[in-house]
Amino acid sequence: MGLEAERKREEASDEGLIRAVREGTTERYEALIEKYQQRLYIYCYHLLMQREEAEDAVQEVFIKGYEKLSQFVYNQSFAAWLYKIAYHHCLNVLRKRRRTALLSKLLKPLGHEGADDGYAEARRKEVVLQSELALGRLTVVERSLIVLRVIEGKSYEEIGQSFPQSPAALRKKVERAKLKLKRIWMELEGDVDGEATKYAMARESERIGRAIAPD
């Protein structure tokens, strides 16, 4: 009950800011940006898996949100509305990235990155890479559901505002995505020797660990 009351207060606060922006006090939109910028960045990063693209995506999503603010329907979650815009924007970015990758492969050979000095830095990069590989082998829909449910802690009703499906159907999809992520992570982990290394991976990949844990 406390969480539901807090959610309603948050939505009421958002609606007040949105009404002010619609009525001409456009600077109030900055308050919405400050409120949701970090959460939106985390969401976009886990879909795109690249920091700069995620930062650019956040800016584009807020611009699109401002341009489409007249289409926002009161009494719905502004956060869910933003996530829906972000999802479609990131999907377009991924499609463009695939086209660019294909062209790059055809036009020039792959380059070779210089070797990094230091075991710790090499291990850190290896762990980050393995985490990204695990998430990257999920579909964009599966990653989106994992981020919203596991990392953002959204209820299935809230997720349903971005994905128009019943809570029961979304629950099944999330469970399937979590099982798939667990299987992928175990496959990748099986390629690594040494308990200390596995422990370092678990520490560095905390988000993955949360994602594969049962609710």
N, C-alpha and C. Protein backbone atom coordinates (compact mmCIF):
# COMPACT_ATOMS: atom_id res chain seq x y z
N MET A 1 0.84 -1.21 0.00
CA MET A 1 0.00 0.00 0.00
C MET A 1 0.87 1.25 0.00
N GLY A 2 1.96 1.19 0.75
CA GLY A 2 2.85 2.33 0.78
C GLY A 2 3.48 2.61 -0.57
N LEU A 3 3.89 1.53 -1.27
CA LEU A 3 4.49 1.70 -2.58
C LEU A 3 3.48 2.23 -3.58
N GLU A 4 2.24 1.76 -3.49
CA GLU A 4 1.20 2.23 -4.40
C GLU A 4 0.90 3.71 -4.18
N ALA A 5 0.86 4.12 -2.90
CA ALA A 5 0.62 5.52 -2.58
C ALA A 5 1.76 6.40 -3.10
N GLU A 6 3.00 5.90 -2.97
CA GLU A 6 4.16 6.64 -3.45
C GLU A 6 4.12 6.77 -4.97
N ARG A 7 3.73 5.70 -5.64
CA ARG A 7 3.62 5.73 -7.11
C ARG A 7 2.59 6.77 -7.55
N LYS A 8 1.45 6.82 -6.85
CA LYS A 8 0.40 7.79 -7.21
C LYS A 8 0.86 9.22 -6.97
N ARG A 9 1.62 9.44 -5.88
CA ARG A 9 2.14 10.78 -5.61
C ARG A 9 3.12 11.20 -6.70
N GLU A 10 3.95 10.24 -7.14
CA GLU A 10 4.93 10.52 -8.19
C GLU A 10 4.23 10.89 -9.49
N GLU A 11 3.20 10.12 -9.84
CA GLU A 11 2.47 10.39 -11.07
C GLU A 11 1.75 11.73 -11.01
N ALA A 12 1.21 12.06 -9.83
CA ALA A 12 0.53 13.35 -9.66
C ALA A 12 1.52 14.49 -9.83
N SER A 13 2.72 14.31 -9.27
CA SER A 13 3.77 15.32 -9.41
C SER A 13 4.16 15.49 -10.87
N ASP A 14 4.29 14.37 -11.59
CA ASP A 14 4.63 14.43 -13.01
C ASP A 14 3.54 15.15 -13.79
N GLU A 15 2.31 14.85 -13.49
CA GLU A 15 1.19 15.47 -14.21
C GLU A 15 1.18 16.98 -14.00
N GLY A 16 1.51 17.42 -12.78
CA GLY A 16 1.56 18.85 -12.51
C GLY A 16 2.61 19.55 -13.36
N LEU A 17 3.78 18.91 -13.48
CA LEU A 17 4.84 19.48 -14.31
C LEU A 17 4.44 19.48 -15.79
N ILE A 18 3.82 18.39 -16.23
CA ILE A 18 3.41 18.29 -17.63
C ILE A 18 2.36 19.35 -17.97
N ARG A 19 1.42 19.55 -17.06
CA ARG A 19 0.38 20.58 -17.30
C ARG A 19 1.03 21.96 -17.43
N ALA A 20 2.02 22.22 -16.57
CA ALA A 20 2.69 23.52 -16.62
C ALA A 20 3.41 23.71 -17.95
N VAL A 21 4.07 22.65 -18.43
CA VAL A 21 4.78 22.74 -19.72
C VAL A 21 3.78 22.97 -20.85
N ARG A 22 2.68 22.25 -20.82
CA ARG A 22 1.66 22.40 -21.86
C ARG A 22 1.05 23.80 -21.88
N GLU A 23 1.01 24.39 -20.68
CA GLU A 23 0.41 25.73 -20.58
C GLU A 23 1.41 26.84 -20.88
N GLY A 24 2.65 26.47 -21.22
CA GLY A 24 3.61 27.47 -21.64
C GLY A 24 4.82 27.65 -20.77
N THR A 25 4.82 27.06 -19.58
CA THR A 25 5.99 27.17 -18.70
C THR A 25 6.96 26.05 -19.08
N THR A 26 7.61 26.21 -20.22
CA THR A 26 8.42 25.13 -20.80
C THR A 26 9.63 24.75 -19.95
N GLU A 27 10.09 25.69 -19.12
CA GLU A 27 11.28 25.39 -18.32
C GLU A 27 11.01 24.29 -17.28
N ARG A 28 9.71 24.03 -16.99
CA ARG A 28 9.39 22.98 -16.03
C ARG A 28 9.73 21.60 -16.57
N TYR A 29 9.95 21.50 -17.87
CA TYR A 29 10.32 20.22 -18.45
C TYR A 29 11.70 19.78 -17.94
N GLU A 30 12.51 20.74 -17.55
CA GLU A 30 13.84 20.42 -17.01
C GLU A 30 13.74 19.57 -15.74
N ALA A 31 12.68 19.82 -14.95
CA ALA A 31 12.50 19.03 -13.73
C ALA A 31 12.23 17.56 -14.06
N LEU A 32 11.49 17.33 -15.14
CA LEU A 32 11.22 15.96 -15.57
C LEU A 32 12.50 15.30 -16.08
N ILE A 33 13.32 16.08 -16.78
CA ILE A 33 14.59 15.54 -17.28
C ILE A 33 15.48 15.14 -16.11
N GLU A 34 15.61 16.01 -15.13
CA GLU A 34 16.46 15.72 -13.96
C GLU A 34 15.95 14.49 -13.21
N LYS A 35 14.65 14.33 -13.16
CA LYS A 35 14.04 13.23 -12.40
C LYS A 35 14.30 11.88 -13.06
N TYR A 36 14.23 11.84 -14.39
CA TYR A 36 14.27 10.55 -15.09
C TYR A 36 15.53 10.31 -15.90
N GLN A 37 16.44 11.26 -15.93
CA GLN A 37 17.62 11.14 -16.78
C GLN A 37 18.46 9.90 -16.46
N GLN A 38 18.76 9.69 -15.19
CA GLN A 38 19.63 8.58 -14.81
C GLN A 38 18.96 7.24 -15.07
N ARG A 39 17.69 7.13 -14.71
CA ARG A 39 16.97 5.87 -14.94
C ARG A 39 16.86 5.55 -16.42
N LEU A 40 16.63 6.59 -17.20
CA LEU A 40 16.50 6.39 -18.65
C LEU A 40 17.84 6.00 -19.25
N TYR A 41 18.92 6.57 -18.72
CA TYR A 41 20.25 6.20 -19.22
C TYR A 41 20.54 4.72 -18.96
N ILE A 42 20.24 4.25 -17.75
CA ILE A 42 20.46 2.84 -17.41
C ILE A 42 19.67 1.94 -18.35
N TYR A 43 18.43 2.32 -18.61
CA TYR A 43 17.58 1.54 -19.50
C TYR A 43 18.17 1.49 -20.91
N CYS A 44 18.53 2.65 -21.45
CA CYS A 44 19.07 2.71 -22.82
C CYS A 44 20.42 2.00 -22.91
N TYR A 45 21.24 2.13 -21.86
CA TYR A 45 22.54 1.47 -21.90
C TYR A 45 22.39 -0.04 -21.99
N HIS A 46 21.45 -0.60 -21.24
CA HIS A 46 21.29 -2.05 -21.25
C HIS A 46 20.64 -2.56 -22.54
N LEU A 47 20.05 -1.68 -23.30
CA LEU A 47 19.54 -2.09 -24.61
C LEU A 47 20.62 -1.94 -25.67
N LEU A 48 21.40 -0.87 -25.59
CA LEU A 48 22.38 -0.57 -26.64
C LEU A 48 23.77 -1.10 -26.31
N MET A 49 24.08 -1.24 -25.01
CA MET A 49 25.37 -1.78 -24.56
C MET A 49 26.56 -0.91 -24.96
N GLN A 50 26.32 0.35 -25.23
CA GLN A 50 27.40 1.29 -25.53
C GLN A 50 27.09 2.63 -24.85
N ARG A 51 28.09 3.14 -24.13
CA ARG A 51 27.86 4.33 -23.30
C ARG A 51 27.49 5.56 -24.13
N GLU A 52 28.26 5.86 -25.16
CA GLU A 52 28.00 7.07 -25.94
C GLU A 52 26.65 7.00 -26.64
N GLU A 53 26.32 5.84 -27.20
CA GLU A 53 25.02 5.69 -27.85
C GLU A 53 23.89 5.86 -26.84
N ALA A 54 24.08 5.35 -25.64
CA ALA A 54 23.06 5.48 -24.60
C ALA A 54 22.87 6.94 -24.21
N GLU A 55 23.98 7.68 -24.07
CA GLU A 55 23.88 9.10 -23.73
C GLU A 55 23.15 9.88 -24.82
N ASP A 56 23.48 9.58 -26.07
CA ASP A 56 22.80 10.23 -27.19
C ASP A 56 21.32 9.86 -27.21
N ALA A 57 21.04 8.59 -26.91
CA ALA A 57 19.66 8.12 -26.93
C ALA A 57 18.81 8.84 -25.89
N VAL A 58 19.37 9.05 -24.71
CA VAL A 58 18.63 9.75 -23.65
C VAL A 58 18.24 11.15 -24.12
N GLN A 59 19.18 11.86 -24.73
CA GLN A 59 18.87 13.20 -25.23
C GLN A 59 17.76 13.16 -26.28
N GLU A 60 17.86 12.21 -27.20
CA GLU A 60 16.86 12.10 -28.25
C GLU A 60 15.48 11.75 -27.68
N VAL A 61 15.46 10.88 -26.69
CA VAL A 61 14.18 10.47 -26.09
C VAL A 61 13.51 11.65 -25.40
N PHE A 62 14.28 12.47 -24.69
CA PHE A 62 13.68 13.64 -24.04
C PHE A 62 13.19 14.66 -25.06
N ILE A 63 13.92 14.79 -26.17
CA ILE A 63 13.47 15.69 -27.23
C ILE A 63 12.15 15.19 -27.83
N LYS A 64 12.10 13.89 -28.12
CA LYS A 64 10.88 13.31 -28.67
C LYS A 64 9.73 13.41 -27.67
N GLY A 65 10.06 13.19 -26.40
CA GLY A 65 9.04 13.30 -25.36
C GLY A 65 8.45 14.70 -25.30
N TYR A 66 9.32 15.70 -25.42
CA TYR A 66 8.84 17.09 -25.41
C TYR A 66 7.97 17.38 -26.63
N GLU A 67 8.42 16.91 -27.79
CA GLU A 67 7.67 17.15 -29.02
C GLU A 67 6.31 16.46 -29.03
N LYS A 68 6.22 15.32 -28.33
CA LYS A 68 4.98 14.55 -28.31
C LYS A 68 4.20 14.71 -27.02
N LEU A 69 4.58 15.70 -26.20
CA LEU A 69 3.96 15.84 -24.89
C LEU A 69 2.45 16.07 -24.97
N SER A 70 2.01 16.67 -26.06
CA SER A 70 0.56 16.89 -26.22
C SER A 70 -0.20 15.58 -26.37
N GLN A 71 0.53 14.49 -26.71
CA GLN A 71 -0.12 13.19 -26.89
C GLN A 71 -0.18 12.39 -25.58
N PHE A 72 0.51 12.89 -24.56
CA PHE A 72 0.50 12.17 -23.28
C PHE A 72 -0.89 12.22 -22.66
N VAL A 73 -1.36 11.06 -22.21
CA VAL A 73 -2.69 10.95 -21.60
C VAL A 73 -2.52 10.96 -20.08
N TYR A 74 -3.18 11.88 -19.43
CA TYR A 74 -3.11 11.94 -17.97
C TYR A 74 -3.66 10.66 -17.35
N ASN A 75 -3.24 10.40 -16.12
CA ASN A 75 -3.61 9.20 -15.37
C ASN A 75 -2.86 7.96 -15.83
N GLN A 76 -1.85 8.12 -16.69
CA GLN A 76 -0.95 7.02 -17.00
C GLN A 76 0.44 7.39 -16.49
N SER A 77 1.31 6.40 -16.42
CA SER A 77 2.66 6.62 -15.91
C SER A 77 3.51 7.35 -16.94
N PHE A 78 4.05 8.51 -16.57
CA PHE A 78 4.92 9.24 -17.48
C PHE A 78 6.22 8.46 -17.70
N ALA A 79 6.69 7.76 -16.65
CA ALA A 79 7.90 6.95 -16.78
C ALA A 79 7.71 5.87 -17.83
N ALA A 80 6.58 5.15 -17.75
CA ALA A 80 6.30 4.09 -18.73
C ALA A 80 6.17 4.67 -20.14
N TRP A 81 5.60 5.85 -20.23
CA TRP A 81 5.45 6.52 -21.52
C TRP A 81 6.82 6.84 -22.11
N LEU A 82 7.74 7.32 -21.26
CA LEU A 82 9.10 7.60 -21.71
C LEU A 82 9.83 6.32 -22.12
N TYR A 83 9.67 5.26 -21.32
CA TYR A 83 10.32 4.00 -21.63
C TYR A 83 9.86 3.46 -22.98
N LYS A 84 8.61 3.67 -23.29
CA LYS A 84 8.09 3.19 -24.58
C LYS A 84 8.76 3.95 -25.73
N ILE A 85 8.90 5.26 -25.58
CA ILE A 85 9.61 6.06 -26.59
C ILE A 85 11.06 5.58 -26.70
N ALA A 86 11.69 5.35 -25.54
CA ALA A 86 13.08 4.91 -25.51
C ALA A 86 13.26 3.55 -26.18
N TYR A 87 12.33 2.66 -25.94
CA TYR A 87 12.41 1.32 -26.53
C TYR A 87 12.42 1.40 -28.05
N HIS A 88 11.49 2.14 -28.61
CA HIS A 88 11.40 2.25 -30.07
C HIS A 88 12.61 2.99 -30.65
N HIS A 89 13.09 4.00 -29.93
CA HIS A 89 14.27 4.72 -30.40
C HIS A 89 15.49 3.80 -30.42
N CYS A 90 15.70 3.05 -29.34
CA CYS A 90 16.85 2.14 -29.26
C CYS A 90 16.75 1.04 -30.31
N LEU A 91 15.54 0.61 -30.59
CA LEU A 91 15.35 -0.41 -31.63
C LEU A 91 15.82 0.13 -32.97
N ASN A 92 15.52 1.38 -33.26
CA ASN A 92 15.98 1.99 -34.51
C ASN A 92 17.50 2.14 -34.53
N VAL A 93 18.09 2.48 -33.38
CA VAL A 93 19.54 2.60 -33.30
C VAL A 93 20.20 1.25 -33.58
N LEU A 94 19.64 0.18 -33.02
CA LEU A 94 20.20 -1.15 -33.23
C LEU A 94 20.08 -1.58 -34.69
N ARG A 95 18.98 -1.25 -35.32
CA ARG A 95 18.82 -1.58 -36.74
C ARG A 95 19.85 -0.84 -37.59
N LYS A 96 20.06 0.44 -37.26
CA LYS A 96 21.06 1.23 -37.99
C LYS A 96 22.45 0.68 -37.74
N ARG A 97 22.73 0.25 -36.51
CA ARG A 97 24.04 -0.30 -36.17
C ARG A 97 24.31 -1.57 -36.98
N ARG A 98 23.31 -2.41 -37.12
CA ARG A 98 23.50 -3.64 -37.90
C ARG A 98 23.84 -3.33 -39.35
N ARG A 99 23.14 -2.34 -39.92
CA ARG A 99 23.43 -1.97 -41.31
C ARG A 99 24.85 -1.42 -41.44
N THR A 100 25.26 -0.58 -40.47
CA THR A 100 26.60 -0.01 -40.49
C THR A 100 27.67 -1.09 -40.36
N ALA A 101 27.42 -2.07 -39.46
CA ALA A 101 28.38 -3.15 -39.26
C ALA A 101 28.56 -3.97 -40.53
N LEU A 102 27.49 -4.22 -41.23
CA LEU A 102 27.57 -4.99 -42.48
C LEU A 102 28.38 -4.24 -43.53
N LEU A 103 28.14 -2.93 -43.61
CA LEU A 103 28.89 -2.13 -44.57
C LEU A 103 30.38 -2.09 -44.22
N SER A 104 30.68 -1.92 -42.93
CA SER A 104 32.07 -1.87 -42.49
C SER A 104 32.79 -3.17 -42.80
N LYS A 105 32.11 -4.28 -42.60
CA LYS A 105 32.71 -5.59 -42.86
C LYS A 105 33.02 -5.77 -44.34
N LEU A 106 32.17 -5.21 -45.18
CA LEU A 106 32.38 -5.34 -46.62
C LEU A 106 33.47 -4.42 -47.14
N LEU A 107 33.58 -3.23 -46.53
CA LEU A 107 34.46 -2.21 -47.08
C LEU A 107 35.88 -2.22 -46.53
N LYS A 108 36.09 -2.74 -45.32
CA LYS A 108 37.44 -2.72 -44.77
C LYS A 108 37.67 -3.89 -43.83
N PRO A 109 38.92 -4.35 -43.74
CA PRO A 109 39.22 -5.46 -42.82
C PRO A 109 39.15 -5.01 -41.37
N LEU A 110 38.95 -5.97 -40.49
CA LEU A 110 38.91 -5.66 -39.07
C LEU A 110 40.28 -5.22 -38.58
N GLY A 111 40.33 -4.20 -37.74
CA GLY A 111 41.60 -3.74 -37.19
C GLY A 111 41.98 -4.55 -35.97
N HIS A 112 43.19 -4.33 -35.49
CA HIS A 112 43.68 -5.03 -34.31
C HIS A 112 43.92 -4.03 -33.20
N GLU A 113 43.31 -4.26 -32.05
CA GLU A 113 43.49 -3.36 -30.91
C GLU A 113 44.81 -3.66 -30.22
N GLY A 114 45.42 -2.61 -29.69
CA GLY A 114 46.68 -2.80 -28.98
C GLY A 114 46.47 -3.55 -27.67
N ALA A 115 47.50 -4.27 -27.25
CA ALA A 115 47.38 -5.05 -26.02
C ALA A 115 47.42 -4.13 -24.81
N ASP A 116 46.67 -4.47 -23.78
CA ASP A 116 46.63 -3.68 -22.56
C ASP A 116 47.67 -4.20 -21.57
N ASP A 117 48.30 -3.29 -20.84
CA ASP A 117 49.27 -3.68 -19.82
C ASP A 117 48.56 -3.89 -18.50
N GLY A 118 49.00 -4.91 -17.77
CA GLY A 118 48.45 -5.13 -16.44
C GLY A 118 47.37 -6.20 -16.43
N TYR A 119 47.55 -7.17 -15.56
CA TYR A 119 46.58 -8.26 -15.49
C TYR A 119 45.21 -7.78 -15.03
N ALA A 120 45.19 -6.88 -14.04
CA ALA A 120 43.92 -6.43 -13.48
C ALA A 120 43.06 -5.75 -14.54
N GLU A 121 43.68 -4.87 -15.33
CA GLU A 121 42.93 -4.17 -16.37
C GLU A 121 42.44 -5.15 -17.43
N ALA A 122 43.28 -6.13 -17.76
CA ALA A 122 42.89 -7.13 -18.75
C ALA A 122 41.71 -7.95 -18.24
N ARG A 123 41.76 -8.33 -16.96
CA ARG A 123 40.67 -9.12 -16.39
C ARG A 123 39.38 -8.31 -16.33
N ARG A 124 39.51 -7.04 -15.96
CA ARG A 124 38.33 -6.20 -15.87
C ARG A 124 37.63 -6.13 -17.22
N LYS A 125 38.43 -5.92 -18.25
CA LYS A 125 37.84 -5.83 -19.58
C LYS A 125 37.24 -7.15 -20.02
N GLU A 126 37.89 -8.24 -19.62
CA GLU A 126 37.37 -9.56 -19.97
C GLU A 126 36.02 -9.81 -19.32
N VAL A 127 35.92 -9.40 -18.05
CA VAL A 127 34.67 -9.59 -17.32
C VAL A 127 33.55 -8.73 -17.91
N VAL A 128 33.88 -7.47 -18.19
CA VAL A 128 32.88 -6.58 -18.80
C VAL A 128 32.42 -7.14 -20.14
N LEU A 129 33.38 -7.63 -20.91
CA LEU A 129 33.04 -8.20 -22.20
C LEU A 129 32.13 -9.39 -22.05
N GLN A 130 32.42 -10.27 -21.08
CA GLN A 130 31.58 -11.44 -20.89
C GLN A 130 30.17 -11.05 -20.46
N SER A 131 30.07 -10.03 -19.61
CA SER A 131 28.75 -9.56 -19.19
C SER A 131 27.98 -9.03 -20.39
N GLU A 132 28.65 -8.25 -21.23
CA GLU A 132 27.99 -7.69 -22.40
C GLU A 132 27.62 -8.78 -23.40
N LEU A 133 28.49 -9.79 -23.51
CA LEU A 133 28.18 -10.90 -24.40
C LEU A 133 26.92 -11.63 -23.94
N ALA A 134 26.81 -11.83 -22.63
CA ALA A 134 25.65 -12.53 -22.09
C ALA A 134 24.36 -11.77 -22.38
N LEU A 135 24.36 -10.47 -22.06
CA LEU A 135 23.18 -9.66 -22.32
C LEU A 135 22.95 -9.49 -23.83
N GLY A 136 24.04 -9.39 -24.57
CA GLY A 136 23.94 -9.18 -26.01
C GLY A 136 23.32 -10.35 -26.74
N ARG A 137 23.36 -11.54 -26.15
CA ARG A 137 22.77 -12.70 -26.79
C ARG A 137 21.28 -12.84 -26.51
N LEU A 138 20.75 -11.93 -25.70
CA LEU A 138 19.30 -11.82 -25.55
C LEU A 138 18.75 -10.94 -26.67
N THR A 139 17.49 -11.10 -26.98
CA THR A 139 16.86 -10.19 -27.94
C THR A 139 16.66 -8.84 -27.26
N VAL A 140 16.40 -7.81 -28.03
CA VAL A 140 16.20 -6.48 -27.45
C VAL A 140 14.97 -6.47 -26.54
N VAL A 141 13.95 -7.25 -26.89
CA VAL A 141 12.76 -7.33 -26.04
C VAL A 141 13.12 -8.00 -24.72
N GLU A 142 13.88 -9.09 -24.77
CA GLU A 142 14.28 -9.79 -23.55
C GLU A 142 15.12 -8.89 -22.66
N ARG A 143 16.07 -8.16 -23.25
CA ARG A 143 16.90 -7.24 -22.45
C ARG A 143 16.04 -6.16 -21.82
N SER A 144 15.09 -5.66 -22.58
CA SER A 144 14.21 -4.62 -22.07
C SER A 144 13.42 -5.11 -20.86
N LEU A 145 12.88 -6.32 -20.97
CA LEU A 145 12.10 -6.89 -19.86
C LEU A 145 12.98 -7.13 -18.64
N ILE A 146 14.20 -7.61 -18.86
CA ILE A 146 15.13 -7.84 -17.74
C ILE A 146 15.45 -6.54 -17.03
N VAL A 147 15.72 -5.49 -17.79
CA VAL A 147 16.05 -4.20 -17.19
C VAL A 147 14.87 -3.65 -16.40
N LEU A 148 13.68 -3.67 -17.00
CA LEU A 148 12.51 -3.09 -16.34
C LEU A 148 12.13 -3.85 -15.08
N ARG A 149 12.14 -5.19 -15.17
CA ARG A 149 11.69 -6.00 -14.03
C ARG A 149 12.77 -6.16 -12.97
N VAL A 150 13.98 -6.53 -13.38
CA VAL A 150 15.02 -6.90 -12.42
C VAL A 150 15.81 -5.69 -11.93
N ILE A 151 16.23 -4.84 -12.86
CA ILE A 151 17.09 -3.71 -12.47
C ILE A 151 16.26 -2.52 -11.99
N GLU A 152 15.19 -2.19 -12.74
CA GLU A 152 14.34 -1.06 -12.35
C GLU A 152 13.32 -1.45 -11.29
N GLY A 153 13.03 -2.75 -11.16
CA GLY A 153 12.07 -3.21 -10.15
C GLY A 153 10.63 -2.85 -10.46
N LYS A 154 10.30 -2.71 -11.73
CA LYS A 154 8.94 -2.35 -12.12
C LYS A 154 7.98 -3.52 -11.90
N SER A 155 6.74 -3.22 -11.55
CA SER A 155 5.72 -4.26 -11.46
C SER A 155 5.31 -4.68 -12.86
N TYR A 156 4.65 -5.84 -12.96
CA TYR A 156 4.21 -6.29 -14.27
C TYR A 156 3.12 -5.37 -14.83
N GLU A 157 2.36 -4.75 -13.94
CA GLU A 157 1.34 -3.79 -14.39
C GLU A 157 2.01 -2.57 -15.03
N GLU A 158 3.09 -2.10 -14.41
CA GLU A 158 3.83 -0.95 -14.95
C GLU A 158 4.49 -1.31 -16.28
N ILE A 159 5.09 -2.50 -16.34
CA ILE A 159 5.72 -2.94 -17.58
C ILE A 159 4.69 -3.04 -18.69
N GLY A 160 3.48 -3.43 -18.32
CA GLY A 160 2.40 -3.56 -19.30
C GLY A 160 2.02 -2.25 -19.97
N GLN A 161 2.41 -1.12 -19.36
CA GLN A 161 2.13 0.17 -19.99
C GLN A 161 3.08 0.44 -21.15
N SER A 162 4.23 -0.24 -21.15
CA SER A 162 5.17 -0.13 -22.26
C SER A 162 4.99 -1.28 -23.25
N PHE A 163 4.64 -2.46 -22.72
CA PHE A 163 4.38 -3.63 -23.55
C PHE A 163 2.93 -4.05 -23.31
N PRO A 164 2.05 -3.78 -24.26
CA PRO A 164 0.61 -4.04 -24.06
C PRO A 164 0.26 -5.52 -24.01
N GLN A 165 0.61 -6.17 -22.88
CA GLN A 165 0.28 -7.57 -22.65
C GLN A 165 -0.17 -7.72 -21.21
N SER A 166 -0.82 -8.82 -20.90
CA SER A 166 -1.29 -9.05 -19.55
C SER A 166 -0.12 -9.30 -18.61
N PRO A 167 -0.28 -9.00 -17.31
CA PRO A 167 0.79 -9.28 -16.35
C PRO A 167 1.23 -10.74 -16.36
N ALA A 168 0.28 -11.65 -16.52
CA ALA A 168 0.62 -13.08 -16.55
C ALA A 168 1.51 -13.42 -17.74
N ALA A 169 1.19 -12.85 -18.91
CA ALA A 169 2.00 -13.10 -20.10
C ALA A 169 3.39 -12.50 -19.96
N LEU A 170 3.46 -11.30 -19.37
CA LEU A 170 4.75 -10.65 -19.18
C LEU A 170 5.61 -11.41 -18.17
N ARG A 171 4.96 -11.94 -17.12
CA ARG A 171 5.69 -12.73 -16.13
C ARG A 171 6.36 -13.94 -16.79
N LYS A 172 5.63 -14.62 -17.66
CA LYS A 172 6.18 -15.78 -18.36
C LYS A 172 7.36 -15.38 -19.24
N LYS A 173 7.23 -14.24 -19.93
CA LYS A 173 8.31 -13.77 -20.79
C LYS A 173 9.55 -13.41 -19.98
N VAL A 174 9.35 -12.77 -18.84
CA VAL A 174 10.48 -12.41 -17.98
C VAL A 174 11.17 -13.66 -17.47
N GLU A 175 10.39 -14.65 -17.03
CA GLU A 175 10.99 -15.88 -16.52
C GLU A 175 11.78 -16.60 -17.61
N ARG A 176 11.24 -16.61 -18.82
CA ARG A 176 11.96 -17.25 -19.92
C ARG A 176 13.26 -16.50 -20.22
N ALA A 177 13.20 -15.17 -20.17
CA ALA A 177 14.40 -14.36 -20.44
C ALA A 177 15.45 -14.60 -19.36
N LYS A 178 15.02 -14.71 -18.10
CA LYS A 178 15.95 -14.95 -17.00
C LYS A 178 16.60 -16.33 -17.11
N LEU A 179 15.82 -17.32 -17.48
CA LEU A 179 16.37 -18.67 -17.66
C LEU A 179 17.37 -18.70 -18.83
N LYS A 180 17.02 -18.00 -19.89
CA LYS A 180 17.92 -17.93 -21.04
C LYS A 180 19.22 -17.24 -20.66
N LEU A 181 19.12 -16.13 -19.90
CA LEU A 181 20.31 -15.40 -19.48
C LEU A 181 21.18 -16.27 -18.56
N LYS A 182 20.54 -17.02 -17.68
CA LYS A 182 21.27 -17.91 -16.78
C LYS A 182 22.03 -18.97 -17.57
N ARG A 183 21.38 -19.54 -18.57
CA ARG A 183 22.02 -20.56 -19.39
C ARG A 183 23.23 -19.98 -20.15
N ILE A 184 23.04 -18.80 -20.73
CA ILE A 184 24.13 -18.15 -21.47
C ILE A 184 25.30 -17.84 -20.54
N TRP A 185 24.99 -17.30 -19.36
CA TRP A 185 26.05 -16.95 -18.40
C TRP A 185 26.83 -18.19 -17.97
N MET A 186 26.14 -19.30 -17.73
CA MET A 186 26.80 -20.53 -17.32
C MET A 186 27.69 -21.07 -18.44
N GLU A 187 27.23 -20.94 -19.68
CA GLU A 187 28.03 -21.37 -20.82
C GLU A 187 29.31 -20.54 -20.92
N LEU A 188 29.18 -19.23 -20.76
CA LEU A 188 30.35 -18.36 -20.83
C LEU A 188 31.29 -18.60 -19.65
N GLU A 189 30.71 -18.81 -18.48
CA GLU A 189 31.51 -19.03 -17.29
C GLU A 189 32.27 -20.35 -17.38
N GLY A 190 31.71 -21.30 -18.11
CA GLY A 190 32.36 -22.59 -18.27
C GLY A 190 33.65 -22.52 -19.05
N ASP A 191 33.86 -21.41 -19.76
CA ASP A 191 35.09 -21.24 -20.52
C ASP A 191 36.21 -20.65 -19.68
N VAL A 192 35.93 -20.33 -18.43
CA VAL A 192 36.92 -19.67 -17.56
C VAL A 192 37.43 -20.66 -16.53
N ASP A 193 38.74 -20.72 -16.32
CA ASP A 193 39.35 -21.62 -15.34
C ASP A 193 39.69 -20.85 -14.07
N GLY A 194 39.52 -21.53 -12.93
CA GLY A 194 39.96 -20.94 -11.67
C GLY A 194 38.81 -20.35 -10.87
N GLU A 195 38.73 -20.71 -9.59
CA GLU A 195 37.66 -20.22 -8.74
C GLU A 195 37.80 -18.72 -8.47
N ALA A 196 39.02 -18.24 -8.31
CA ALA A 196 39.23 -16.81 -8.04
C ALA A 196 38.72 -15.97 -9.20
N THR A 197 38.96 -16.44 -10.40
CA THR A 197 38.51 -15.71 -11.58
C THR A 197 36.99 -15.68 -11.62
N LYS A 198 36.37 -16.81 -11.31
CA LYS A 198 34.90 -16.86 -11.30
C LYS A 198 34.33 -15.93 -10.23
N TYR A 199 35.00 -15.86 -9.10
CA TYR A 199 34.55 -14.96 -8.05
C TYR A 199 34.65 -13.51 -8.51
N ALA A 200 35.72 -13.16 -9.19
CA ALA A 200 35.88 -11.80 -9.71
C ALA A 200 34.79 -11.50 -10.73
N MET A 201 34.46 -12.47 -11.54
CA MET A 201 33.40 -12.27 -12.53
C MET A 201 32.07 -11.98 -11.84
N ALA A 202 31.78 -12.74 -10.80
CA ALA A 202 30.52 -12.55 -10.10
C ALA A 202 30.45 -11.16 -9.48
N ARG A 203 31.58 -10.71 -8.92
CA ARG A 203 31.62 -9.38 -8.31
C ARG A 203 31.45 -8.28 -9.34
N GLU A 204 32.13 -8.42 -10.46
CA GLU A 204 32.09 -7.39 -11.50
C GLU A 204 30.76 -7.39 -12.23
N SER A 205 30.05 -8.52 -12.23
CA SER A 205 28.81 -8.64 -13.00
C SER A 205 27.60 -8.72 -12.08
N GLU A 206 27.52 -7.79 -11.16
CA GLU A 206 26.46 -7.83 -10.16
C GLU A 206 25.07 -7.77 -10.78
N ARG A 207 24.94 -6.96 -11.83
CA ARG A 207 23.64 -6.85 -12.46
C ARG A 207 23.20 -8.17 -13.08
N ILE A 208 24.15 -8.89 -13.66
CA ILE A 208 23.82 -10.20 -14.23
C ILE A 208 23.37 -11.13 -13.14
N GLY A 209 24.07 -11.09 -12.02
CA GLY A 209 23.71 -11.96 -10.90
C GLY A 209 22.30 -11.69 -10.42
N ARG A 210 21.92 -10.40 -10.35
CA ARG A 210 20.56 -10.07 -9.93
C ARG A 210 19.55 -10.55 -10.95
N ALA A 211 19.92 -10.47 -12.20
CA ALA A 211 18.99 -10.84 -13.25
C ALA A 211 18.66 -12.31 -13.26
N ILE A 212 19.66 -13.16 -12.92
CA ILE A 212 19.39 -14.59 -13.00
C ILE A 212 18.87 -15.15 -11.67
N ALA A 213 18.83 -14.31 -10.63
CA ALA A 213 18.33 -14.78 -9.36
C ALA A 213 16.81 -14.85 -9.38
N PRO A 214 16.19 -15.80 -8.68
CA PRO A 214 14.73 -15.88 -8.65
C PRO A 214 14.13 -14.71 -7.91
N ASP A 215 12.88 -14.33 -8.27
CA ASP A 215 12.21 -13.22 -7.59
C ASP A 215 11.90 -13.59 -6.14
